[in-house]
Amino acid sequence: MIGVDLPLWASIPACILLVLGGLLALTGSAGLLRFRTFQARIHAPTLGNTLGCGCVLGASILVFSALSARPVFHEVIITLLLIVSSPVTAMLLMRAATYRNRLTKADADRDAR
């Protein structure tokens, strides 16, 4: 144990955020297994894991701000990078998959003639 007492006003919301973040990440990972197409498979983990990591980072901000008795902004930078990079990466992957599927269908149509 750390040996530092965390105030109750910070520990209860932090616990709720951690559990919620774990459930959201688990839901996103389960969606990866459940869906059939690439576009559907990439959609669930992007949303679930981004929101789950956001909740975990929110709990981290809350706990470390309470322990140091001042606002902590290191996690805010991580959160901003996560919110920007994850959806952009998913969008680029979906565009590449759509382009690849279009080429595959065009090749199949050309070979069928």
PDB file of N, CA and C in Angstrom:
ATOM      1  N   MET A   1       0.825  -1.174   0.000  1.00  0.00           N
ATOM      2  CA  MET A   1       0.000   0.000   0.000  1.00  0.00           C
ATOM      3  C   MET A   1       0.879   1.251   0.000  1.00  0.00           C
ATOM      4  N   ILE A   2       0.286   2.331  -0.412  1.00  0.00           N
ATOM      5  CA  ILE A   2       1.014   3.588  -0.506  1.00  0.00           C
ATOM      6  C   ILE A   2       1.208   4.197   0.867  1.00  0.00           C
ATOM      7  N   GLY A   3       0.232   4.063   1.731  1.00  0.00           N
ATOM      8  CA  GLY A   3       0.327   4.643   3.061  1.00  0.00           C
ATOM      9  C   GLY A   3      -0.213   6.055   3.132  1.00  0.00           C
ATOM     10  N   VAL A   4      -0.839   6.522   2.068  1.00  0.00           N
ATOM     11  CA  VAL A   4      -1.419   7.852   2.020  1.00  0.00           C
ATOM     12  C   VAL A   4      -2.930   7.700   1.974  1.00  0.00           C
ATOM     13  N   ASP A   5      -3.612   8.440   2.846  1.00  0.00           N
ATOM     14  CA  ASP A   5      -5.070   8.382   2.861  1.00  0.00           C
ATOM     15  C   ASP A   5      -5.628   9.286   1.780  1.00  0.00           C
ATOM     16  N   LEU A   6      -6.489   8.716   0.965  1.00  0.00           N
ATOM     17  CA  LEU A   6      -7.155   9.471  -0.090  1.00  0.00           C
ATOM     18  C   LEU A   6      -8.492   9.951   0.444  1.00  0.00           C
ATOM     19  N   PRO A   7      -8.818  11.219   0.258  1.00  0.00           N
ATOM     20  CA  PRO A   7     -10.105  11.716   0.762  1.00  0.00           C
ATOM     21  C   PRO A   7     -11.281  10.972   0.126  1.00  0.00           C
ATOM     22  N   LEU A   8     -12.354  10.858   0.890  1.00  0.00           N
ATOM     23  CA  LEU A   8     -13.532  10.132   0.435  1.00  0.00           C
ATOM     24  C   LEU A   8     -14.170  10.799  -0.781  1.00  0.00           C
ATOM     25  N   TRP A   9     -14.127  12.135  -0.852  1.00  0.00           N
ATOM     26  CA  TRP A   9     -14.723  12.844  -1.987  1.00  0.00           C
ATOM     27  C   TRP A   9     -13.992  12.553  -3.289  1.00  0.00           C
ATOM     28  N   ALA A  10     -12.749  12.080  -3.200  1.00  0.00           N
ATOM     29  CA  ALA A  10     -11.986  11.750  -4.404  1.00  0.00           C
ATOM     30  C   ALA A  10     -11.987  10.253  -4.684  1.00  0.00           C
ATOM     31  N   SER A  11     -12.036   9.443  -3.631  1.00  0.00           N
ATOM     32  CA  SER A  11     -11.917   7.997  -3.839  1.00  0.00           C
ATOM     33  C   SER A  11     -13.186   7.375  -4.422  1.00  0.00           C
ATOM     34  N   ILE A  12     -14.350   7.837  -3.995  1.00  0.00           N
ATOM     35  CA  ILE A  12     -15.597   7.255  -4.516  1.00  0.00           C
ATOM     36  C   ILE A  12     -15.774   7.548  -6.008  1.00  0.00           C
ATOM     37  N   PRO A  13     -15.664   8.812  -6.459  1.00  0.00           N
ATOM     38  CA  PRO A  13     -15.770   9.033  -7.919  1.00  0.00           C
ATOM     39  C   PRO A  13     -14.660   8.348  -8.709  1.00  0.00           C
ATOM     40  N   ALA A  14     -13.459   8.248  -8.126  1.00  0.00           N
ATOM     41  CA  ALA A  14     -12.357   7.575  -8.824  1.00  0.00           C
ATOM     42  C   ALA A  14     -12.667   6.091  -8.994  1.00  0.00           C
ATOM     43  N   CYS A  15     -13.225   5.464  -7.957  1.00  0.00           N
ATOM     44  CA  CYS A  15     -13.604   4.051  -8.069  1.00  0.00           C
ATOM     45  C   CYS A  15     -14.695   3.845  -9.114  1.00  0.00           C
ATOM     46  N   ILE A  16     -15.670   4.737  -9.132  1.00  0.00           N
ATOM     47  CA  ILE A  16     -16.753   4.637 -10.120  1.00  0.00           C
ATOM     48  C   ILE A  16     -16.195   4.806 -11.531  1.00  0.00           C
ATOM     49  N   LEU A  17     -15.303   5.774 -11.715  1.00  0.00           N
ATOM     50  CA  LEU A  17     -14.700   5.991 -13.030  1.00  0.00           C
ATOM     51  C   LEU A  17     -13.852   4.801 -13.464  1.00  0.00           C
ATOM     52  N   LEU A  18     -13.119   4.188 -12.537  1.00  0.00           N
ATOM     53  CA  LEU A  18     -12.299   3.032 -12.887  1.00  0.00           C
ATOM     54  C   LEU A  18     -13.151   1.835 -13.296  1.00  0.00           C
ATOM     55  N   VAL A  19     -14.218   1.578 -12.545  1.00  0.00           N
ATOM     56  CA  VAL A  19     -15.101   0.461 -12.894  1.00  0.00           C
ATOM     57  C   VAL A  19     -15.798   0.731 -14.225  1.00  0.00           C
ATOM     58  N   LEU A  20     -16.283   1.950 -14.420  1.00  0.00           N
ATOM     59  CA  LEU A  20     -16.932   2.315 -15.669  1.00  0.00           C
ATOM     60  C   LEU A  20     -15.964   2.213 -16.849  1.00  0.00           C
ATOM     61  N   GLY A  21     -14.730   2.660 -16.646  1.00  0.00           N
ATOM     62  CA  GLY A  21     -13.721   2.570 -17.699  1.00  0.00           C
ATOM     63  C   GLY A  21     -13.402   1.126 -18.061  1.00  0.00           C
ATOM     64  N   GLY A  22     -13.311   0.259 -17.058  1.00  0.00           N
ATOM     65  CA  GLY A  22     -13.074  -1.153 -17.328  1.00  0.00           C
ATOM     66  C   GLY A  22     -14.226  -1.797 -18.069  1.00  0.00           C
ATOM     67  N   LEU A  23     -15.453  -1.452 -17.690  1.00  0.00           N
ATOM     68  CA  LEU A  23     -16.628  -2.008 -18.374  1.00  0.00           C
ATOM     69  C   LEU A  23     -16.719  -1.523 -19.818  1.00  0.00           C
ATOM     70  N   LEU A  24     -16.417  -0.256 -20.043  1.00  0.00           N
ATOM     71  CA  LEU A  24     -16.444   0.274 -21.413  1.00  0.00           C
ATOM     72  C   LEU A  24     -15.368  -0.373 -22.286  1.00  0.00           C
ATOM     73  N   ALA A  25     -14.179  -0.560 -21.737  1.00  0.00           N
ATOM     74  CA  ALA A  25     -13.108  -1.212 -22.495  1.00  0.00           C
ATOM     75  C   ALA A  25     -13.460  -2.675 -22.778  1.00  0.00           C
ATOM     76  N   LEU A  26     -14.077  -3.339 -21.807  1.00  0.00           N
ATOM     77  CA  LEU A  26     -14.512  -4.726 -22.005  1.00  0.00           C
ATOM     78  C   LEU A  26     -15.601  -4.813 -23.068  1.00  0.00           C
ATOM     79  N   THR A  27     -16.525  -3.864 -23.057  1.00  0.00           N
ATOM     80  CA  THR A  27     -17.583  -3.831 -24.062  1.00  0.00           C
ATOM     81  C   THR A  27     -16.999  -3.626 -25.461  1.00  0.00           C
ATOM     82  N   GLY A  28     -16.045  -2.726 -25.583  1.00  0.00           N
ATOM     83  CA  GLY A  28     -15.398  -2.504 -26.877  1.00  0.00           C
ATOM     84  C   GLY A  28     -14.644  -3.731 -27.358  1.00  0.00           C
ATOM     85  N   SER A  29     -14.002  -4.431 -26.448  1.00  0.00           N
ATOM     86  CA  SER A  29     -13.272  -5.640 -26.825  1.00  0.00           C
ATOM     87  C   SER A  29     -14.220  -6.763 -27.204  1.00  0.00           C
ATOM     88  N   ALA A  30     -15.362  -6.859 -26.520  1.00  0.00           N
ATOM     89  CA  ALA A  30     -16.357  -7.873 -26.876  1.00  0.00           C
ATOM     90  C   ALA A  30     -16.958  -7.581 -28.248  1.00  0.00           C
ATOM     91  N   GLY A  31     -17.116  -6.318 -28.582  1.00  0.00           N
ATOM     92  CA  GLY A  31     -17.609  -5.948 -29.898  1.00  0.00           C
ATOM     93  C   GLY A  31     -16.649  -6.350 -31.005  1.00  0.00           C
ATOM     94  N   LEU A  32     -15.375  -6.373 -30.694  1.00  0.00           N
ATOM     95  CA  LEU A  32     -14.376  -6.802 -31.666  1.00  0.00           C
ATOM     96  C   LEU A  32     -14.583  -8.270 -32.034  1.00  0.00           C
ATOM     97  N   LEU A  33     -14.978  -9.081 -31.077  1.00  0.00           N
ATOM     98  CA  LEU A  33     -15.204 -10.499 -31.335  1.00  0.00           C
ATOM     99  C   LEU A  33     -16.571 -10.775 -31.955  1.00  0.00           C
ATOM    100  N   ARG A  34     -17.547  -9.952 -31.632  1.00  0.00           N
ATOM    101  CA  ARG A  34     -18.932 -10.225 -32.018  1.00  0.00           C
ATOM    102  C   ARG A  34     -19.245  -9.859 -33.462  1.00  0.00           C
ATOM    103  N   PHE A  35     -18.752  -8.738 -33.943  1.00  0.00           N
ATOM    104  CA  PHE A  35     -19.132  -8.245 -35.257  1.00  0.00           C
ATOM    105  C   PHE A  35     -18.379  -8.964 -36.361  1.00  0.00           C
ATOM    106  N   ARG A  36     -18.974  -8.977 -37.564  1.00  0.00           N
ATOM    107  CA  ARG A  36     -18.426  -9.744 -38.679  1.00  0.00           C
ATOM    108  C   ARG A  36     -17.560  -8.915 -39.630  1.00  0.00           C
ATOM    109  N   THR A  37     -18.003  -7.725 -40.002  1.00  0.00           N
ATOM    110  CA  THR A  37     -17.271  -6.945 -40.995  1.00  0.00           C
ATOM    111  C   THR A  37     -16.188  -6.103 -40.339  1.00  0.00           C
ATOM    112  N   PHE A  38     -15.230  -5.698 -41.153  1.00  0.00           N
ATOM    113  CA  PHE A  38     -14.125  -4.894 -40.627  1.00  0.00           C
ATOM    114  C   PHE A  38     -14.609  -3.556 -40.092  1.00  0.00           C
ATOM    115  N   GLN A  39     -15.510  -2.905 -40.833  1.00  0.00           N
ATOM    116  CA  GLN A  39     -15.988  -1.587 -40.416  1.00  0.00           C
ATOM    117  C   GLN A  39     -16.712  -1.673 -39.070  1.00  0.00           C
ATOM    118  N   ALA A  40     -17.509  -2.680 -38.868  1.00  0.00           N
ATOM    119  CA  ALA A  40     -18.191  -2.846 -37.584  1.00  0.00           C
ATOM    120  C   ALA A  40     -17.205  -3.222 -36.490  1.00  0.00           C
ATOM    121  N   ARG A  41     -16.225  -4.045 -36.840  1.00  0.00           N
ATOM    122  CA  ARG A  41     -15.238  -4.460 -35.835  1.00  0.00           C
ATOM    123  C   ARG A  41     -14.368  -3.302 -35.361  1.00  0.00           C
ATOM    124  N   ILE A  42     -14.065  -2.385 -36.233  1.00  0.00           N
ATOM    125  CA  ILE A  42     -13.209  -1.266 -35.829  1.00  0.00           C
ATOM    126  C   ILE A  42     -14.002  -0.215 -35.064  1.00  0.00           C
ATOM    127  N   HIS A  43     -15.304  -0.160 -35.282  1.00  0.00           N
ATOM    128  CA  HIS A  43     -16.139   0.854 -34.651  1.00  0.00           C
ATOM    129  C   HIS A  43     -16.283   0.621 -33.141  1.00  0.00           C
ATOM    130  N   ALA A  44     -16.563  -0.598 -32.738  1.00  0.00           N
ATOM    131  CA  ALA A  44     -16.795  -0.890 -31.316  1.00  0.00           C
ATOM    132  C   ALA A  44     -15.568  -0.645 -30.440  1.00  0.00           C
ATOM    133  N   PRO A  45     -14.395  -1.159 -30.797  1.00  0.00           N
ATOM    134  CA  PRO A  45     -13.239  -0.891 -29.938  1.00  0.00           C
ATOM    135  C   PRO A  45     -12.825   0.575 -29.918  1.00  0.00           C
ATOM    136  N   THR A  46     -13.036   1.270 -31.035  1.00  0.00           N
ATOM    137  CA  THR A  46     -12.663   2.685 -31.057  1.00  0.00           C
ATOM    138  C   THR A  46     -13.473   3.468 -30.043  1.00  0.00           C
ATOM    139  N   LEU A  47     -14.773   3.261 -30.047  1.00  0.00           N
ATOM    140  CA  LEU A  47     -15.621   3.991 -29.100  1.00  0.00           C
ATOM    141  C   LEU A  47     -15.433   3.490 -27.674  1.00  0.00           C
ATOM    142  N   GLY A  48     -15.513   2.181 -27.490  1.00  0.00           N
ATOM    143  CA  GLY A  48     -15.433   1.624 -26.139  1.00  0.00           C
ATOM    144  C   GLY A  48     -14.100   1.864 -25.470  1.00  0.00           C
ATOM    145  N   ASN A  49     -13.035   1.620 -26.178  1.00  0.00           N
ATOM    146  CA  ASN A  49     -11.717   1.782 -25.571  1.00  0.00           C
ATOM    147  C   ASN A  49     -11.344   3.248 -25.377  1.00  0.00           C
ATOM    148  N   THR A  50     -11.776   4.123 -26.279  1.00  0.00           N
ATOM    149  CA  THR A  50     -11.499   5.543 -26.094  1.00  0.00           C
ATOM    150  C   THR A  50     -12.226   6.075 -24.864  1.00  0.00           C
ATOM    151  N   LEU A  51     -13.505   5.732 -24.731  1.00  0.00           N
ATOM    152  CA  LEU A  51     -14.258   6.182 -23.557  1.00  0.00           C
ATOM    153  C   LEU A  51     -13.743   5.515 -22.286  1.00  0.00           C
ATOM    154  N   GLY A  52     -13.368   4.240 -22.374  1.00  0.00           N
ATOM    155  CA  GLY A  52     -12.830   3.542 -21.213  1.00  0.00           C
ATOM    156  C   GLY A  52     -11.514   4.146 -20.733  1.00  0.00           C
ATOM    157  N   CYS A  53     -10.627   4.422 -21.660  1.00  0.00           N
ATOM    158  CA  CYS A  53      -9.357   5.058 -21.289  1.00  0.00           C
ATOM    159  C   CYS A  53      -9.585   6.471 -20.774  1.00  0.00           C
ATOM    160  N   GLY A  54     -10.577   7.155 -21.334  1.00  0.00           N
ATOM    161  CA  GLY A  54     -10.916   8.491 -20.834  1.00  0.00           C
ATOM    162  C   GLY A  54     -11.383   8.454 -19.387  1.00  0.00           C
ATOM    163  N   CYS A  55     -12.185   7.444 -19.040  1.00  0.00           N
ATOM    164  CA  CYS A  55     -12.635   7.307 -17.644  1.00  0.00           C
ATOM    165  C   CYS A  55     -11.466   6.987 -16.711  1.00  0.00           C
ATOM    166  N   VAL A  56     -10.575   6.110 -17.142  1.00  0.00           N
ATOM    167  CA  VAL A  56      -9.411   5.770 -16.314  1.00  0.00           C
ATOM    168  C   VAL A  56      -8.510   6.990 -16.134  1.00  0.00           C
ATOM    169  N   LEU A  57      -8.309   7.754 -17.192  1.00  0.00           N
ATOM    170  CA  LEU A  57      -7.498   8.964 -17.073  1.00  0.00           C
ATOM    171  C   LEU A  57      -8.192  10.023 -16.207  1.00  0.00           C
ATOM    172  N   GLY A  58      -9.523  10.089 -16.277  1.00  0.00           N
ATOM    173  CA  GLY A  58     -10.255  10.997 -15.385  1.00  0.00           C
ATOM    174  C   GLY A  58     -10.086  10.619 -13.922  1.00  0.00           C
ATOM    175  N   ALA A  59     -10.116   9.314 -13.646  1.00  0.00           N
ATOM    176  CA  ALA A  59      -9.872   8.854 -12.270  1.00  0.00           C
ATOM    177  C   ALA A  59      -8.452   9.185 -11.837  1.00  0.00           C
ATOM    178  N   SER A  60      -7.500   9.038 -12.734  1.00  0.00           N
ATOM    179  CA  SER A  60      -6.115   9.370 -12.412  1.00  0.00           C
ATOM    180  C   SER A  60      -5.944  10.859 -12.131  1.00  0.00           C
ATOM    181  N   ILE A  61      -6.592  11.701 -12.930  1.00  0.00           N
ATOM    182  CA  ILE A  61      -6.551  13.143 -12.693  1.00  0.00           C
ATOM    183  C   ILE A  61      -7.118  13.465 -11.320  1.00  0.00           C
ATOM    184  N   LEU A  62      -8.237  12.851 -10.988  1.00  0.00           N
ATOM    185  CA  LEU A  62      -8.898  13.110  -9.713  1.00  0.00           C
ATOM    186  C   LEU A  62      -8.042  12.679  -8.534  1.00  0.00           C
ATOM    187  N   VAL A  63      -7.486  11.484  -8.597  1.00  0.00           N
ATOM    188  CA  VAL A  63      -6.685  10.962  -7.480  1.00  0.00           C
ATOM    189  C   VAL A  63      -5.409  11.767  -7.293  1.00  0.00           C
ATOM    190  N   PHE A  64      -4.668  12.003  -8.357  1.00  0.00           N
ATOM    191  CA  PHE A  64      -3.401  12.711  -8.196  1.00  0.00           C
ATOM    192  C   PHE A  64      -3.588  14.186  -7.892  1.00  0.00           C
ATOM    193  N   SER A  65      -4.698  14.769  -8.330  1.00  0.00           N
ATOM    194  CA  SER A  65      -4.988  16.147  -7.929  1.00  0.00           C
ATOM    195  C   SER A  65      -5.330  16.212  -6.449  1.00  0.00           C
ATOM    196  N   ALA A  66      -6.043  15.221  -5.940  1.00  0.00           N
ATOM    197  CA  ALA A  66      -6.375  15.192  -4.514  1.00  0.00           C
ATOM    198  C   ALA A  66      -5.147  14.930  -3.656  1.00  0.00           C
ATOM    199  N   LEU A  67      -4.261  14.060  -4.128  1.00  0.00           N
ATOM    200  CA  LEU A  67      -3.061  13.750  -3.338  1.00  0.00           C
ATOM    201  C   LEU A  67      -2.058  14.896  -3.303  1.00  0.00           C
ATOM    202  N   SER A  68      -1.928  15.606  -4.405  1.00  0.00           N
ATOM    203  CA  SER A  68      -0.951  16.688  -4.441  1.00  0.00           C
ATOM    204  C   SER A  68      -1.548  18.038  -4.060  1.00  0.00           C
ATOM    205  N   ALA A  69      -2.867  18.086  -3.828  1.00  0.00           N
ATOM    206  CA  ALA A  69      -3.573  19.308  -3.406  1.00  0.00           C
ATOM    207  C   ALA A  69      -3.420  20.455  -4.414  1.00  0.00           C
ATOM    208  N   ARG A  70      -3.280  20.079  -5.677  1.00  0.00           N
ATOM    209  CA  ARG A  70      -3.235  21.060  -6.768  1.00  0.00           C
ATOM    210  C   ARG A  70      -3.677  20.357  -8.035  1.00  0.00           C
ATOM    211  N   PRO A  71      -4.158  21.101  -9.000  1.00  0.00           N
ATOM    212  CA  PRO A  71      -4.584  20.451 -10.253  1.00  0.00           C
ATOM    213  C   PRO A  71      -3.410  19.813 -10.988  1.00  0.00           C
ATOM    214  N   VAL A  72      -3.618  18.611 -11.478  1.00  0.00           N
ATOM    215  CA  VAL A  72      -2.601  17.889 -12.242  1.00  0.00           C
ATOM    216  C   VAL A  72      -3.070  17.834 -13.688  1.00  0.00           C
ATOM    217  N   PHE A  73      -2.228  18.289 -14.604  1.00  0.00           N
ATOM    218  CA  PHE A  73      -2.631  18.392 -16.000  1.00  0.00           C
ATOM    219  C   PHE A  73      -1.870  17.454 -16.932  1.00  0.00           C
ATOM    220  N   HIS A  74      -0.991  16.601 -16.397  1.00  0.00           N
ATOM    221  CA  HIS A  74      -0.267  15.674 -17.268  1.00  0.00           C
ATOM    222  C   HIS A  74      -1.223  14.728 -17.983  1.00  0.00           C
ATOM    223  N   GLU A  75      -2.216  14.242 -17.253  1.00  0.00           N
ATOM    224  CA  GLU A  75      -3.173  13.310 -17.838  1.00  0.00           C
ATOM    225  C   GLU A  75      -4.091  13.990 -18.843  1.00  0.00           C
ATOM    226  N   VAL A  76      -4.275  15.291 -18.718  1.00  0.00           N
ATOM    227  CA  VAL A  76      -5.117  16.015 -19.673  1.00  0.00           C
ATOM    228  C   VAL A  76      -4.480  15.966 -21.061  1.00  0.00           C
ATOM    229  N   ILE A  77      -3.177  16.084 -21.126  1.00  0.00           N
ATOM    230  CA  ILE A  77      -2.470  16.002 -22.406  1.00  0.00           C
ATOM    231  C   ILE A  77      -2.626  14.611 -23.001  1.00  0.00           C
ATOM    232  N   ILE A  78      -2.498  13.574 -22.170  1.00  0.00           N
ATOM    233  CA  ILE A  78      -2.683  12.207 -22.645  1.00  0.00           C
ATOM    234  C   ILE A  78      -4.109  12.014 -23.153  1.00  0.00           C
ATOM    235  N   THR A  79      -5.082  12.548 -22.415  1.00  0.00           N
ATOM    236  CA  THR A  79      -6.485  12.430 -22.816  1.00  0.00           C
ATOM    237  C   THR A  79      -6.733  13.115 -24.153  1.00  0.00           C
ATOM    238  N   LEU A  80      -6.196  14.304 -24.336  1.00  0.00           N
ATOM    239  CA  LEU A  80      -6.380  15.019 -25.607  1.00  0.00           C
ATOM    240  C   LEU A  80      -5.755  14.258 -26.769  1.00  0.00           C
ATOM    241  N   LEU A  81      -4.561  13.710 -26.565  1.00  0.00           N
ATOM    242  CA  LEU A  81      -3.926  12.931 -27.625  1.00  0.00           C
ATOM    243  C   LEU A  81      -4.727  11.673 -27.944  1.00  0.00           C
ATOM    244  N   LEU A  82      -5.292  11.042 -26.922  1.00  0.00           N
ATOM    245  CA  LEU A  82      -6.102   9.842 -27.134  1.00  0.00           C
ATOM    246  C   LEU A  82      -7.385  10.164 -27.876  1.00  0.00           C
ATOM    247  N   ILE A  83      -8.031  11.249 -27.485  1.00  0.00           N
ATOM    248  CA  ILE A  83      -9.294  11.632 -28.127  1.00  0.00           C
ATOM    249  C   ILE A  83      -9.065  12.012 -29.590  1.00  0.00           C
ATOM    250  N   VAL A  84      -7.929  12.589 -29.901  1.00  0.00           N
ATOM    251  CA  VAL A  84      -7.653  12.992 -31.278  1.00  0.00           C
ATOM    252  C   VAL A  84      -7.145  11.816 -32.107  1.00  0.00           C
ATOM    253  N   SER A  85      -6.233  11.020 -31.565  1.00  0.00           N
ATOM    254  CA  SER A  85      -5.562  10.010 -32.393  1.00  0.00           C
ATOM    255  C   SER A  85      -6.399   8.768 -32.645  1.00  0.00           C
ATOM    256  N   SER A  86      -7.153   8.302 -31.700  1.00  0.00           N
ATOM    257  CA  SER A  86      -7.892   7.051 -31.880  1.00  0.00           C
ATOM    258  C   SER A  86      -8.976   7.144 -32.956  1.00  0.00           C
ATOM    259  N   PRO A  87      -9.849   8.136 -32.945  1.00  0.00           N
ATOM    260  CA  PRO A  87     -10.845   8.214 -34.025  1.00  0.00           C
ATOM    261  C   PRO A  87     -10.237   8.498 -35.400  1.00  0.00           C
ATOM    262  N   VAL A  88      -9.176   9.273 -35.436  1.00  0.00           N
ATOM    263  CA  VAL A  88      -8.537   9.565 -36.720  1.00  0.00           C
ATOM    264  C   VAL A  88      -7.917   8.296 -37.296  1.00  0.00           C
ATOM    265  N   THR A  89      -7.281   7.506 -36.449  1.00  0.00           N
ATOM    266  CA  THR A  89      -6.702   6.247 -36.897  1.00  0.00           C
ATOM    267  C   THR A  89      -7.785   5.300 -37.392  1.00  0.00           C
ATOM    268  N   ALA A  90      -8.890   5.223 -36.660  1.00  0.00           N
ATOM    269  CA  ALA A  90      -9.996   4.358 -37.085  1.00  0.00           C
ATOM    270  C   ALA A  90     -10.567   4.818 -38.419  1.00  0.00           C
ATOM    271  N   MET A  91     -10.699   6.126 -38.597  1.00  0.00           N
ATOM    272  CA  MET A  91     -11.233   6.647 -39.850  1.00  0.00           C
ATOM    273  C   MET A  91     -10.309   6.306 -41.024  1.00  0.00           C
ATOM    274  N   LEU A  92      -9.004   6.448 -40.830  1.00  0.00           N
ATOM    275  CA  LEU A  92      -8.065   6.124 -41.898  1.00  0.00           C
ATOM    276  C   LEU A  92      -8.078   4.635 -42.221  1.00  0.00           C
ATOM    277  N   LEU A  93      -8.194   3.792 -41.200  1.00  0.00           N
ATOM    278  CA  LEU A  93      -8.275   2.349 -41.440  1.00  0.00           C
ATOM    279  C   LEU A  93      -9.553   1.983 -42.186  1.00  0.00           C
ATOM    280  N   MET A  94     -10.667   2.633 -41.833  1.00  0.00           N
ATOM    281  CA  MET A  94     -11.924   2.352 -42.529  1.00  0.00           C
ATOM    282  C   MET A  94     -11.874   2.807 -43.983  1.00  0.00           C
ATOM    283  N   ARG A  95     -11.258   3.939 -44.235  1.00  0.00           N
ATOM    284  CA  ARG A  95     -11.121   4.403 -45.621  1.00  0.00           C
ATOM    285  C   ARG A  95     -10.260   3.434 -46.429  1.00  0.00           C
ATOM    286  N   ALA A  96      -9.172   2.968 -45.832  1.00  0.00           N
ATOM    287  CA  ALA A  96      -8.306   2.019 -46.538  1.00  0.00           C
ATOM    288  C   ALA A  96      -9.046   0.712 -46.809  1.00  0.00           C
ATOM    289  N   ALA A  97      -9.848   0.247 -45.859  1.00  0.00           N
ATOM    290  CA  ALA A  97     -10.612  -0.996 -46.062  1.00  0.00           C
ATOM    291  C   ALA A  97     -11.675  -0.812 -47.138  1.00  0.00           C
ATOM    292  N   THR A  98     -12.329   0.351 -47.145  1.00  0.00           N
ATOM    293  CA  THR A  98     -13.346   0.620 -48.167  1.00  0.00           C
ATOM    294  C   THR A  98     -12.707   0.688 -49.550  1.00  0.00           C
ATOM    295  N   TYR A  99     -11.570   1.326 -49.645  1.00  0.00           N
ATOM    296  CA  TYR A  99     -10.859   1.415 -50.924  1.00  0.00           C
ATOM    297  C   TYR A  99     -10.414   0.029 -51.381  1.00  0.00           C
ATOM    298  N   ARG A 100      -9.931  -0.772 -50.449  1.00  0.00           N
ATOM    299  CA  ARG A 100      -9.482  -2.130 -50.782  1.00  0.00           C
ATOM    300  C   ARG A 100     -10.660  -2.990 -51.240  1.00  0.00           C
ATOM    301  N   ASN A 101     -11.803  -2.879 -50.566  1.00  0.00           N
ATOM    302  CA  ASN A 101     -12.983  -3.641 -50.976  1.00  0.00           C
ATOM    303  C   ASN A 101     -13.473  -3.210 -52.346  1.00  0.00           C
ATOM    304  N   ARG A 102     -13.405  -1.917 -52.640  1.00  0.00           N
ATOM    305  CA  ARG A 102     -13.821  -1.410 -53.939  1.00  0.00           C
ATOM    306  C   ARG A 102     -12.927  -1.971 -55.045  1.00  0.00           C
ATOM    307  N   LEU A 103     -11.621  -2.015 -54.795  1.00  0.00           N
ATOM    308  CA  LEU A 103     -10.702  -2.571 -55.782  1.00  0.00           C
ATOM    309  C   LEU A 103     -10.935  -4.062 -55.967  1.00  0.00           C
ATOM    310  N   THR A 104     -11.203  -4.758 -54.892  1.00  0.00           N
ATOM    311  CA  THR A 104     -11.435  -6.193 -54.978  1.00  0.00           C
ATOM    312  C   THR A 104     -12.691  -6.495 -55.790  1.00  0.00           C
ATOM    313  N   LYS A 105     -13.774  -5.727 -55.574  1.00  0.00           N
ATOM    314  CA  LYS A 105     -14.992  -5.925 -56.334  1.00  0.00           C
ATOM    315  C   LYS A 105     -14.791  -5.577 -57.806  1.00  0.00           C
ATOM    316  N   ALA A 106     -14.042  -4.526 -58.077  1.00  0.00           N
ATOM    317  CA  ALA A 106     -13.775  -4.148 -59.459  1.00  0.00           C
ATOM    318  C   ALA A 106     -12.962  -5.213 -60.169  1.00  0.00           C
ATOM    319  N   ASP A 107     -11.966  -5.793 -59.475  1.00  0.00           N
ATOM    320  CA  ASP A 107     -11.177  -6.859 -60.063  1.00  0.00           C
ATOM    321  C   ASP A 107     -12.034  -8.091 -60.319  1.00  0.00           C
ATOM    322  N   ALA A 108     -12.950  -8.392 -59.404  1.00  0.00           N
ATOM    323  CA  ALA A 108     -13.827  -9.548 -59.589  1.00  0.00           C
ATOM    324  C   ALA A 108     -14.760  -9.344 -60.776  1.00  0.00           C
ATOM    325  N   ASP A 109     -15.278  -8.115 -60.930  1.00  0.00           N
ATOM    326  CA  ASP A 109     -16.147  -7.815 -62.078  1.00  0.00           C
ATOM    327  C   ASP A 109     -15.383  -7.894 -63.389  1.00  0.00           C
ATOM    328  N   ARG A 110     -14.139  -7.417 -63.398  1.00  0.00           N
ATOM    329  CA  ARG A 110     -13.318  -7.454 -64.613  1.00  0.00           C
ATOM    330  C   ARG A 110     -12.968  -8.898 -64.979  1.00  0.00           C
ATOM    331  N   ASP A 111     -12.668  -9.723 -63.978  1.00  0.00           N
ATOM    332  CA  ASP A 111     -12.331 -11.121 -64.252  1.00  0.00           C
ATOM    333  C   ASP A 111     -13.540 -11.919 -64.709  1.00  0.00           C
ATOM    334  N   ALA A 112     -14.757 -11.493 -64.299  1.00  0.00           N
ATOM    335  CA  ALA A 112     -15.961 -12.221 -64.677  1.00  0.00           C
ATOM    336  C   ALA A 112     -16.320 -12.011 -66.148  1.00  0.00           C
ATOM    337  N   ARG A 113     -15.804 -10.961 -66.786  1.00  0.00           N
ATOM    338  CA  ARG A 113     -16.124 -10.681 -68.207  1.00  0.00           C
ATOM    339  C   ARG A 113     -15.393 -11.561 -69.134  1.00  0.00           C
TER     340      ARG A 113
END
